[in-house]
């Protein structure tokens, strides 16, 4: 029996928030939630007159390296990763434990994830993660829960925690936070069908899309199911007002920085950048990320040394945003965080997106490239020579590439973090229209009947979705 009064008795005036991400690959989900936590810690007390305290639930052990604002803490659950061999449940040396049968609301009967470190069956680590999350929700009793990207977590691990939490604290608000590009519409719809659109509509109060609708409209493209459109709100990109967390000691010479996110799938870009020709007097810092396999990291380092270039290869830097702001040019993959951080600076960027297993990065690069805020190249064109040509144009006297990109960025909605604070404050204090459309079955299970008026969605822009167009590399030198 959980003590449901403990959190309310201690710090009763504080607004409590839980941010969740499953974190099977990279640090993107956690970094996005960290940016939101920092914004909420700074903005919600001003917006509500109440302090805020929160937990960030993450499956990335590397997450704890990031400092948190006062009143916040990490809750790290055992790590998982995608099963590259496709074995599903039972791929560890441990037999699938008995008594692990669970309700299935469209989730996989067999796990598509395996433990990152624990030598146990996938179902056991899923049960462990789910139990820890349930305990956190029922004891901490947040006013607001924001789930990043996957409505029921990895293999449905959030289903039971959210259902039980909703039953015990029905006044709490639950939000699904989505990046501005999910995937191609067919894949996105297939994934919604897999998790169960009606089930999402039952449990979630709102969907927040962290993007600029004028560049990519997830409603117009069909990435958001019709049943969820009335619950959807666009925040703008989570770009402006992200704080730098550490000072960085970088060369005074013109500097190009290459970042490949966590690094797990960044070897191709890192390898090409390591041997790209550099203009005279230009230095190059290449950050492989903590999750790049050791063999790939060594190959990148060896390639840079063999090329005799002025490229320094490191695993991590104290603060990526500080590096981006200091750099004269940035090269990166098309992940949400690196791109949005760059868009709020005056640093020109070349994006080389991955195209498998998702096309999300490609769609993002194409949309923002067509809008003019960055340059990009397809994997087919990725080479040391292509990167070298772009570097030469980006750091050239006159700043033509930089000025062109800065001008385009001025038209973007980059204030997503401020809008998240606004939305969160309204939901957590009950001052925002609550959207609830519970099915009869869920109403019976929770023992109450609730309904509320629908939330009007943001009107679609006249321009619609501009996520079209081709490779921007040709335009990079044309101005």
Protein backbone atom coordinates (compact mmCIF):
# COMPACT_ATOMS: atom_id res chain seq x y z
CA UNK A 1 0.00 0.00 0.00
CA UNK A 2 1.53 3.28 -1.10
CA UNK A 3 1.51 6.28 1.23
CA UNK A 4 -0.33 8.80 -0.92
CA UNK A 5 -0.10 11.65 1.58
CA UNK A 6 3.66 11.90 2.00
CA UNK A 7 4.37 14.14 -1.01
CA UNK A 8 1.39 16.36 -0.27
CA UNK A 9 2.47 16.81 3.37
CA UNK A 10 6.05 17.80 2.54
CA UNK A 11 6.46 20.99 0.52
CA UNK A 12 2.71 21.18 0.06
CA UNK A 13 2.90 24.47 -1.83
CA UNK A 14 5.35 23.23 -4.47
CA UNK A 15 4.12 22.22 -7.90
CA UNK A 16 5.50 18.77 -8.65
CA UNK A 17 6.45 17.68 -12.17
CA UNK A 18 7.67 14.38 -13.60
CA UNK A 19 9.40 14.23 -17.00
CA UNK A 20 9.88 10.75 -18.51
CA UNK A 21 11.90 9.41 -21.44
CA UNK A 22 12.73 5.80 -22.23
CA UNK A 23 16.24 6.46 -23.64
CA UNK A 24 17.20 3.33 -25.52
CA UNK A 25 19.52 5.11 -27.98
CA UNK A 26 21.42 8.36 -27.52
CA UNK A 27 20.72 11.22 -25.16
CA UNK A 28 18.25 13.21 -27.25
CA UNK A 29 15.14 12.52 -25.19
CA UNK A 30 16.92 13.24 -21.91
CA UNK A 31 18.50 16.45 -23.22
CA UNK A 32 15.10 17.67 -24.36
CA UNK A 33 13.59 16.93 -20.95
CA UNK A 34 16.53 18.61 -19.24
CA UNK A 35 15.93 21.78 -21.25
CA UNK A 36 12.27 21.66 -20.24
CA UNK A 37 13.18 21.14 -16.57
CA UNK A 38 15.46 24.16 -16.62
CA UNK A 39 12.75 26.28 -18.23
CA UNK A 40 10.10 25.14 -15.75
CA UNK A 41 12.42 25.74 -12.77
CA UNK A 42 13.10 29.28 -13.97
CA UNK A 43 9.66 30.20 -15.26
CA UNK A 44 6.91 28.43 -13.33
CA UNK A 45 7.49 30.18 -9.98
CA UNK A 46 7.08 33.51 -11.77
CA UNK A 47 4.02 32.30 -13.66
CA UNK A 48 2.24 30.65 -10.72
CA UNK A 49 3.70 32.20 -7.57
CA UNK A 50 4.62 28.70 -6.37
CA UNK A 51 7.95 26.83 -6.29
CA UNK A 52 8.39 23.83 -8.55
CA UNK A 53 10.07 20.51 -7.81
CA UNK A 54 10.56 17.68 -10.25
CA UNK A 55 11.93 14.30 -11.24
CA UNK A 56 13.45 13.41 -14.60
CA UNK A 57 13.02 9.68 -15.20
CA UNK A 58 15.62 8.39 -17.63
CA UNK A 59 17.12 5.12 -18.75
CA UNK A 60 20.42 6.73 -19.78
CA UNK A 61 23.13 6.28 -17.16
CA UNK A 62 25.07 9.13 -18.79
CA UNK A 63 22.23 11.52 -17.93
CA UNK A 64 23.44 12.04 -14.37
CA UNK A 65 26.48 13.93 -15.71
CA UNK A 66 24.20 16.89 -16.44
CA UNK A 67 23.56 19.26 -13.51
CA UNK A 68 19.95 19.91 -12.57
CA UNK A 69 18.21 23.05 -11.35
CA UNK A 70 17.45 23.40 -7.65
CA UNK A 71 14.50 21.30 -6.56
CA UNK A 72 15.02 18.65 -9.26
CA UNK A 73 16.57 15.20 -9.23
CA UNK A 74 17.25 12.28 -11.54
CA UNK A 75 15.50 8.93 -11.26
CA UNK A 76 17.60 6.53 -13.33
CA UNK A 77 16.05 3.19 -14.24
CA UNK A 78 18.01 0.21 -15.62
CA UNK A 79 19.15 0.85 -19.18
CA UNK A 80 17.75 -0.82 -22.28
CA UNK A 81 18.70 -0.84 -25.93
CA UNK A 82 17.18 -2.02 -29.18
CA UNK A 83 17.61 -5.72 -29.85
CA UNK A 84 19.78 -5.62 -32.96
CA UNK A 85 19.44 -9.38 -33.45
CA UNK A 86 15.66 -9.27 -33.35
CA UNK A 87 15.48 -12.03 -30.74
CA UNK A 88 12.75 -10.42 -28.68
CA UNK A 89 12.04 -11.70 -25.21
CA UNK A 90 14.32 -14.34 -23.87
CA UNK A 91 17.41 -13.05 -25.68
CA UNK A 92 19.41 -12.90 -22.44
CA UNK A 93 20.93 -15.90 -20.74
CA UNK A 94 18.04 -15.93 -18.25
CA UNK A 95 14.84 -17.76 -19.02
CA UNK A 96 11.71 -15.65 -19.15
CA UNK A 97 10.48 -15.56 -15.54
CA UNK A 98 7.13 -16.99 -14.65
CA UNK A 99 4.35 -14.70 -13.55
CA UNK A 100 5.29 -11.94 -16.00
CA UNK A 101 2.06 -11.97 -17.96
CA UNK A 102 0.75 -8.46 -18.39
CA UNK A 103 -2.11 -6.59 -19.96
CA UNK A 104 -1.49 -5.84 -23.61
CA UNK A 105 -2.99 -2.66 -25.07
CA UNK A 106 -1.42 -3.01 -28.47
CA UNK A 107 2.12 -3.36 -27.14
CA UNK A 108 4.46 -6.09 -28.26
CA UNK A 109 3.91 -9.54 -26.80
CA UNK A 110 7.67 -9.97 -27.10
CA UNK A 111 10.17 -7.30 -26.22
CA UNK A 112 11.92 -5.31 -28.92
CA UNK A 113 14.37 -4.05 -26.27
CA UNK A 114 17.02 -5.86 -24.28
CA UNK A 115 18.82 -4.83 -21.09
CA UNK A 116 21.83 -2.64 -21.76
CA UNK A 117 23.84 -4.13 -18.89
CA UNK A 118 21.77 -6.46 -16.72
CA UNK A 119 21.97 -10.15 -17.65
CA UNK A 120 18.27 -10.82 -17.23
CA UNK A 121 15.34 -11.47 -19.56
CA UNK A 122 13.86 -8.39 -21.27
CA UNK A 123 10.52 -8.91 -19.52
CA UNK A 124 12.21 -8.84 -16.14
CA UNK A 125 13.96 -5.51 -16.77
CA UNK A 126 10.73 -4.11 -18.18
CA UNK A 127 8.92 -5.15 -15.02
CA UNK A 128 11.64 -3.60 -12.88
CA UNK A 129 11.50 -0.29 -14.75
CA UNK A 130 7.70 -0.25 -14.65
CA UNK A 131 7.62 -0.95 -10.90
CA UNK A 132 10.11 1.82 -10.15
CA UNK A 133 8.12 4.30 -12.23
CA UNK A 134 4.86 3.27 -10.55
CA UNK A 135 6.40 3.81 -7.13
CA UNK A 136 7.72 7.22 -8.12
CA UNK A 137 4.37 8.42 -9.48
CA UNK A 138 2.31 7.17 -6.55
CA UNK A 139 4.69 8.50 -3.92
CA UNK A 140 5.81 11.78 -5.49
CA UNK A 141 2.24 12.46 -6.73
CA UNK A 142 3.08 15.05 -9.39
CA UNK A 143 0.61 17.66 -10.55
CA UNK A 144 1.95 17.30 -14.10
CA UNK A 145 3.53 14.39 -15.98
CA UNK A 146 5.18 14.96 -19.37
CA UNK A 147 6.11 11.86 -21.35
CA UNK A 148 8.59 12.26 -24.18
CA UNK A 149 7.70 10.77 -27.56
CA UNK A 150 6.49 7.25 -26.62
CA UNK A 151 3.08 7.39 -24.90
CA UNK A 152 3.48 4.08 -23.10
CA UNK A 153 7.25 3.92 -22.94
CA UNK A 154 9.41 1.03 -24.07
CA UNK A 155 7.24 -2.03 -24.72
CA UNK A 156 4.36 -0.53 -22.78
CA UNK A 157 6.23 -0.08 -19.52
CA UNK A 158 4.22 3.10 -18.75
CA UNK A 159 0.79 1.58 -19.29
CA UNK A 160 0.26 0.25 -15.79
CA UNK A 161 2.03 3.14 -13.99
CA UNK A 162 -0.06 5.79 -15.79
CA UNK A 163 -3.32 3.87 -15.35
CA UNK A 164 -2.77 3.39 -11.63
CA UNK A 165 -1.59 6.97 -11.18
CA UNK A 166 -4.65 8.31 -13.03
CA UNK A 167 -6.90 6.26 -10.75
CA UNK A 168 -5.25 7.53 -7.56
CA UNK A 169 -4.73 11.17 -8.63
CA UNK A 170 -7.35 11.89 -11.29
CA UNK A 171 -6.84 15.65 -11.05
CA UNK A 172 -3.23 15.38 -12.28
CA UNK A 173 -2.52 16.29 -15.89
CA UNK A 174 -0.65 13.98 -18.28
CA UNK A 175 0.96 15.36 -21.44
CA UNK A 176 2.64 13.65 -24.38
CA UNK A 177 5.55 15.74 -25.68
CA UNK A 178 6.42 15.16 -29.34
CA UNK A 179 9.29 16.41 -31.45
CA UNK A 180 8.18 18.39 -34.48
CA UNK A 181 8.84 15.50 -36.89
CA UNK A 182 7.72 11.99 -35.96
CA UNK A 183 8.53 10.09 -39.17
CA UNK A 184 7.06 9.64 -42.60
CA UNK A 185 3.25 9.62 -42.25
CA UNK A 186 2.81 5.93 -43.07
CA UNK A 187 5.30 4.86 -40.42
CA UNK A 188 3.88 7.32 -37.90
CA UNK A 189 0.33 6.02 -38.41
CA UNK A 190 1.49 2.44 -38.07
CA UNK A 191 3.12 3.27 -34.75
CA UNK A 192 -0.01 5.06 -33.47
CA UNK A 193 -2.09 2.02 -34.39
CA UNK A 194 0.39 -0.18 -32.59
CA UNK A 195 0.15 1.69 -29.27
CA UNK A 196 -3.59 2.34 -29.63
CA UNK A 197 -4.88 5.82 -30.51
CA UNK A 198 -8.01 5.46 -28.35
CA UNK A 199 -5.88 4.43 -25.41
CA UNK A 200 -3.71 7.55 -25.82
CA UNK A 201 -6.84 9.71 -26.04
CA UNK A 202 -8.15 8.15 -22.84
CA UNK A 203 -5.06 8.72 -20.69
CA UNK A 204 -3.54 11.91 -22.07
CA UNK A 205 -4.87 15.41 -21.51
CA UNK A 206 -2.79 17.16 -24.17
CA UNK A 207 -0.15 16.62 -26.84
CA UNK A 208 2.58 19.25 -27.14
CA UNK A 209 4.44 19.37 -30.45
CA UNK A 210 7.85 20.98 -29.99
CA UNK A 211 8.02 22.62 -33.38
CA UNK A 212 7.27 25.53 -35.70
CA UNK A 213 4.11 24.63 -37.57
CA UNK A 214 5.01 26.89 -40.49
CA UNK A 215 8.03 24.68 -41.29
CA UNK A 216 6.58 21.25 -40.57
CA UNK A 217 2.94 20.68 -39.63
CA UNK A 218 2.48 17.22 -38.12
CA UNK A 219 -1.30 17.58 -38.40
CA UNK A 220 -1.27 18.49 -42.09
CA UNK A 221 1.15 15.66 -42.93
CA UNK A 222 -0.99 13.10 -41.11
CA UNK A 223 1.58 12.27 -38.43
CA UNK A 224 -1.01 13.10 -35.74
CA UNK A 225 -4.16 10.92 -35.83
CA UNK A 226 -7.46 12.79 -36.33
CA UNK A 227 -8.67 11.58 -32.91
CA UNK A 228 -5.86 13.51 -31.21
CA UNK A 229 -5.90 16.75 -33.22
CA UNK A 230 -8.16 18.57 -30.76
CA UNK A 231 -5.68 17.85 -27.95
CA UNK A 232 -2.63 19.04 -29.87
CA UNK A 233 -0.81 22.31 -29.18
CA UNK A 234 2.29 23.59 -30.99
CA UNK A 235 4.91 25.19 -28.76
CA UNK A 236 7.50 26.33 -31.26
CA UNK A 237 11.02 24.90 -31.31
CA UNK A 238 12.70 24.42 -27.92
CA UNK A 239 15.58 26.63 -29.01
CA UNK A 240 15.78 30.05 -27.37
CA UNK A 241 16.85 30.47 -23.74
CA UNK A 242 18.64 27.15 -23.37
CA UNK A 243 21.38 27.89 -20.82
CA UNK A 244 25.02 26.97 -21.33
CA UNK A 245 26.06 24.85 -18.37
CA UNK A 246 29.84 25.19 -18.43
CA UNK A 247 32.63 27.31 -19.83
CA UNK A 248 34.68 25.79 -22.61
CA UNK A 249 38.32 26.52 -23.43
CA UNK A 250 38.47 26.62 -27.22
CA UNK A 251 41.11 27.86 -29.69
CA UNK A 252 41.11 31.52 -30.68
CA UNK A 253 41.64 30.62 -34.34
CA UNK A 254 38.60 30.06 -36.57
CA UNK A 255 37.00 26.86 -35.29
CA UNK A 256 34.74 24.27 -36.87
CA UNK A 257 32.93 21.90 -34.51
CA UNK A 258 31.50 18.53 -35.55
CA UNK A 259 29.01 16.80 -33.24
CA UNK A 260 27.27 13.47 -33.81
CA UNK A 261 24.95 13.38 -30.79
CA UNK A 262 25.43 10.39 -28.51
CA UNK A 263 27.57 8.85 -31.24
CA UNK A 264 25.92 5.48 -31.52
CA UNK A 265 25.12 6.01 -35.21
CA UNK A 266 27.54 8.82 -36.01
CA UNK A 267 30.58 6.93 -37.29
CA UNK A 268 30.00 7.70 -40.99
CA UNK A 269 29.76 11.46 -40.47
CA UNK A 270 32.60 11.51 -37.96
CA UNK A 271 34.85 9.54 -40.30
CA UNK A 272 34.20 11.88 -43.23
CA UNK A 273 34.66 14.99 -41.10
CA UNK A 274 37.90 13.68 -39.59
CA UNK A 275 39.63 13.75 -42.97
CA UNK A 276 37.91 16.79 -44.49
CA UNK A 277 40.36 19.39 -45.81
CA UNK A 278 40.54 22.55 -43.74
CA UNK A 279 41.35 26.08 -44.92
CA UNK A 280 44.60 27.57 -43.66
CA UNK A 281 44.37 28.74 -40.07
CA UNK A 282 41.13 26.86 -39.33
CA UNK A 283 40.99 24.28 -36.51
CA UNK A 284 38.50 21.48 -36.10
CA UNK A 285 37.04 19.93 -32.92
CA UNK A 286 35.27 16.60 -33.51
CA UNK A 287 33.09 15.27 -30.67
CA UNK A 288 32.30 11.58 -31.08
CA UNK A 289 29.81 11.31 -28.20
CA UNK A 290 29.93 8.88 -25.27
CA UNK A 291 27.94 6.13 -26.99
CA UNK A 292 30.07 5.70 -30.10
CA UNK A 293 31.47 2.14 -30.09
CA UNK A 294 35.13 2.07 -29.04
CA UNK A 295 36.25 0.57 -32.35
CA UNK A 296 34.54 3.32 -34.33
CA UNK A 297 35.97 6.02 -32.07
CA UNK A 298 39.47 4.63 -32.53
CA UNK A 299 39.00 4.49 -36.32
CA UNK A 300 37.91 8.16 -36.37
CA UNK A 301 40.90 9.19 -34.28
CA UNK A 302 43.30 7.19 -36.44
CA UNK A 303 41.84 8.69 -39.62
CA UNK A 304 42.35 12.21 -38.30
CA UNK A 305 45.96 11.45 -37.34
CA UNK A 306 46.72 9.75 -40.66
CA UNK A 307 45.30 12.70 -42.58
CA UNK A 308 47.65 15.01 -40.74
CA UNK A 309 44.79 17.43 -40.26
CA UNK A 310 44.24 20.03 -37.56
CA UNK A 311 41.34 17.97 -36.25
CA UNK A 312 41.23 17.14 -32.55
CA UNK A 313 38.99 14.18 -31.65
CA UNK A 314 37.37 14.06 -28.20
CA UNK A 315 34.63 11.92 -26.69
CA UNK A 316 32.70 14.67 -24.90
CA UNK A 317 32.88 18.37 -24.13
CA UNK A 318 31.80 20.13 -20.92
CA UNK A 319 28.95 21.88 -22.69
CA UNK A 320 27.79 21.34 -26.25
CA UNK A 321 25.78 24.54 -26.49
CA UNK A 322 28.76 26.63 -25.38
CA UNK A 323 30.82 25.00 -28.15
CA UNK A 324 28.13 25.73 -30.74
CA UNK A 325 27.92 29.38 -29.72
CA UNK A 326 31.71 29.77 -29.88
CA UNK A 327 32.26 27.91 -33.15
CA UNK A 328 32.58 29.64 -36.51
CA UNK A 329 30.77 26.73 -38.18
CA UNK A 330 28.96 23.58 -37.03
CA UNK A 331 28.59 20.18 -38.67
CA UNK A 332 26.15 17.69 -37.22
CA UNK A 333 23.54 15.06 -37.75
CA UNK A 334 19.88 16.01 -37.84
CA UNK A 335 18.91 15.25 -34.24
CA UNK A 336 16.39 17.58 -32.63
CA UNK A 337 18.57 19.00 -29.85
CA UNK A 338 21.72 19.85 -31.80
CA UNK A 339 19.69 21.43 -34.59
CA UNK A 340 17.46 23.50 -32.31
CA UNK A 341 20.40 24.65 -30.19
CA UNK A 342 22.17 25.83 -33.34
CA UNK A 343 19.10 27.66 -34.64
CA UNK A 344 19.18 29.97 -31.63
CA UNK A 345 22.78 31.02 -32.39
CA UNK A 346 24.50 32.84 -35.25
CA UNK A 347 26.66 29.78 -36.06
CA UNK A 348 26.14 28.42 -39.59
CA UNK A 349 25.32 24.73 -39.72
CA UNK A 350 25.65 21.84 -42.15
CA UNK A 351 23.37 18.88 -41.34
CA UNK A 352 24.13 15.39 -42.57
CA UNK A 353 21.05 13.41 -41.44
CA UNK A 354 20.70 9.73 -40.92
CA UNK A 355 17.97 8.11 -43.02
CA UNK A 356 17.65 4.74 -41.27
CA UNK A 357 15.87 3.32 -39.37
CA UNK A 358 13.83 6.55 -39.33
CA UNK A 359 13.51 9.38 -41.83
CA UNK A 360 12.85 11.96 -39.10
CA UNK A 361 16.26 13.62 -39.44
CA UNK A 362 16.00 13.73 -43.22
CA UNK A 363 12.57 15.38 -43.05
CA UNK A 364 13.84 17.92 -40.50
CA UNK A 365 16.92 18.76 -42.56
CA UNK A 366 14.91 19.11 -45.76
CA UNK A 367 12.30 21.36 -44.14
CA UNK A 368 14.75 23.71 -42.44
CA UNK A 369 17.07 23.59 -45.45
CA UNK A 370 14.27 24.68 -47.75
CA UNK A 371 13.38 27.44 -45.29
CA UNK A 372 17.04 28.49 -45.38
CA UNK A 373 18.05 28.19 -41.72
CA UNK A 374 20.73 25.55 -42.40
CA UNK A 375 22.48 23.67 -45.19
CA UNK A 376 22.32 19.92 -45.55
CA UNK A 377 23.54 17.01 -47.60
CA UNK A 378 22.21 13.55 -48.18
CA UNK A 379 24.17 10.48 -47.00
CA UNK A 380 24.85 9.67 -50.65
CA UNK A 381 26.80 12.91 -50.98
CA UNK A 382 28.60 12.67 -47.66
CA UNK A 383 32.37 12.74 -48.21
CA UNK A 384 35.44 14.54 -46.86
CA UNK A 385 35.49 16.66 -50.01
CA UNK A 386 31.86 17.77 -49.65
CA UNK A 387 32.38 18.70 -46.01
CA UNK A 388 35.63 20.49 -46.82
CA UNK A 389 33.95 22.58 -49.52
CA UNK A 390 31.21 23.64 -47.11
CA UNK A 391 33.71 24.51 -44.37
CA UNK A 392 35.64 26.71 -46.78
CA UNK A 393 32.49 28.61 -47.73
CA UNK A 394 31.18 28.87 -44.16
CA UNK A 395 34.33 30.40 -42.67
CA UNK A 396 35.14 32.59 -45.68
CA UNK A 397 35.45 36.35 -45.25
CA UNK A 398 32.19 38.16 -45.64
CA UNK A 399 30.08 35.62 -43.78
CA UNK A 400 27.70 35.00 -46.69
CA UNK A 401 26.60 31.57 -45.45
CA UNK A 402 26.20 32.78 -41.88
CA UNK A 403 24.23 35.87 -42.86
CA UNK A 404 21.91 33.88 -45.10
CA UNK A 405 21.14 31.36 -42.38
CA UNK A 406 20.72 33.99 -39.65
CA UNK A 407 18.21 35.89 -41.77
CA UNK A 408 16.13 32.76 -42.30
CA UNK A 409 16.29 31.83 -38.61
CA UNK A 410 14.75 35.17 -37.76
CA UNK A 411 11.47 33.94 -39.25
CA UNK A 412 11.32 30.81 -37.08
CA UNK A 413 9.35 30.38 -33.88
CA UNK A 414 12.15 29.54 -31.45
CA UNK A 415 10.39 30.36 -28.17
CA UNK A 416 9.10 26.86 -27.46
CA UNK A 417 10.50 26.70 -23.93
CA UNK A 418 8.61 29.84 -22.92
CA UNK A 419 5.42 28.35 -24.37
CA UNK A 420 6.01 25.09 -22.48
CA UNK A 421 6.18 27.08 -19.24
CA UNK A 422 2.94 28.84 -20.17
CA UNK A 423 1.16 25.58 -21.00
CA UNK A 424 2.54 23.76 -17.93
CA UNK A 425 1.59 26.55 -15.55
CA UNK A 426 -1.97 26.54 -16.83
CA UNK A 427 -2.35 22.78 -16.57
CA UNK A 428 -0.65 22.35 -13.20
CA UNK A 429 -2.74 25.06 -11.54
CA UNK A 430 -6.00 24.14 -13.21
CA UNK A 431 -6.23 27.42 -15.09
CA UNK A 432 -6.16 25.80 -18.54
CA UNK A 433 -9.13 24.12 -20.15
CA UNK A 434 -8.78 20.45 -19.40
CA UNK A 435 -9.26 18.08 -22.27
CA UNK A 436 -10.65 14.74 -21.21
CA UNK A 437 -12.50 12.27 -23.39
CA UNK A 438 -12.56 9.04 -21.45
CA UNK A 439 -14.01 5.94 -22.99
CA UNK A 440 -16.74 4.15 -21.10
CA UNK A 441 -14.37 1.31 -20.25
CA UNK A 442 -11.73 3.62 -18.77
CA UNK A 443 -14.39 5.61 -16.92
CA UNK A 444 -15.65 2.42 -15.32
CA UNK A 445 -12.13 1.30 -14.43
CA UNK A 446 -11.28 4.59 -12.76
CA UNK A 447 -14.61 4.74 -10.97
CA UNK A 448 -15.59 8.23 -12.09
CA UNK A 449 -17.09 10.09 -15.01
CA UNK A 450 -15.19 13.07 -16.41
CA UNK A 451 -15.59 15.21 -19.49
CA UNK A 452 -14.47 18.62 -20.62
CA UNK A 453 -14.76 20.87 -23.66
CA UNK A 454 -12.34 20.21 -26.48
CA UNK A 455 -9.24 22.33 -26.82
CA UNK A 456 -9.19 24.24 -30.07
CA UNK A 457 -6.12 23.40 -32.10
CA UNK A 458 -3.87 26.16 -33.40
CA UNK A 459 -5.05 27.30 -36.84
CA UNK A 460 -2.93 25.93 -39.65
CA UNK A 461 -0.63 28.48 -41.27
CA UNK A 462 -1.43 29.71 -44.72
CA UNK A 463 1.79 28.27 -46.04
CA UNK A 464 1.03 24.74 -44.81
CA UNK A 465 3.91 22.32 -44.45
CA UNK A 466 7.09 23.39 -46.16
CA UNK A 467 8.96 20.15 -45.52
CA UNK A 468 9.68 19.79 -49.21
CA UNK A 469 12.58 20.46 -51.50
CA UNK A 470 15.90 18.94 -52.32
CA UNK A 471 19.46 18.97 -51.17
CA UNK A 472 20.57 22.47 -50.07
CA UNK A 473 24.26 21.94 -50.68
CA UNK A 474 24.01 23.48 -54.13
CA UNK A 475 22.58 26.66 -52.63
CA UNK A 476 25.24 26.82 -49.94
CA UNK A 477 27.62 28.64 -52.23
CA UNK A 478 25.05 30.62 -54.14
CA UNK A 479 23.95 32.81 -51.23
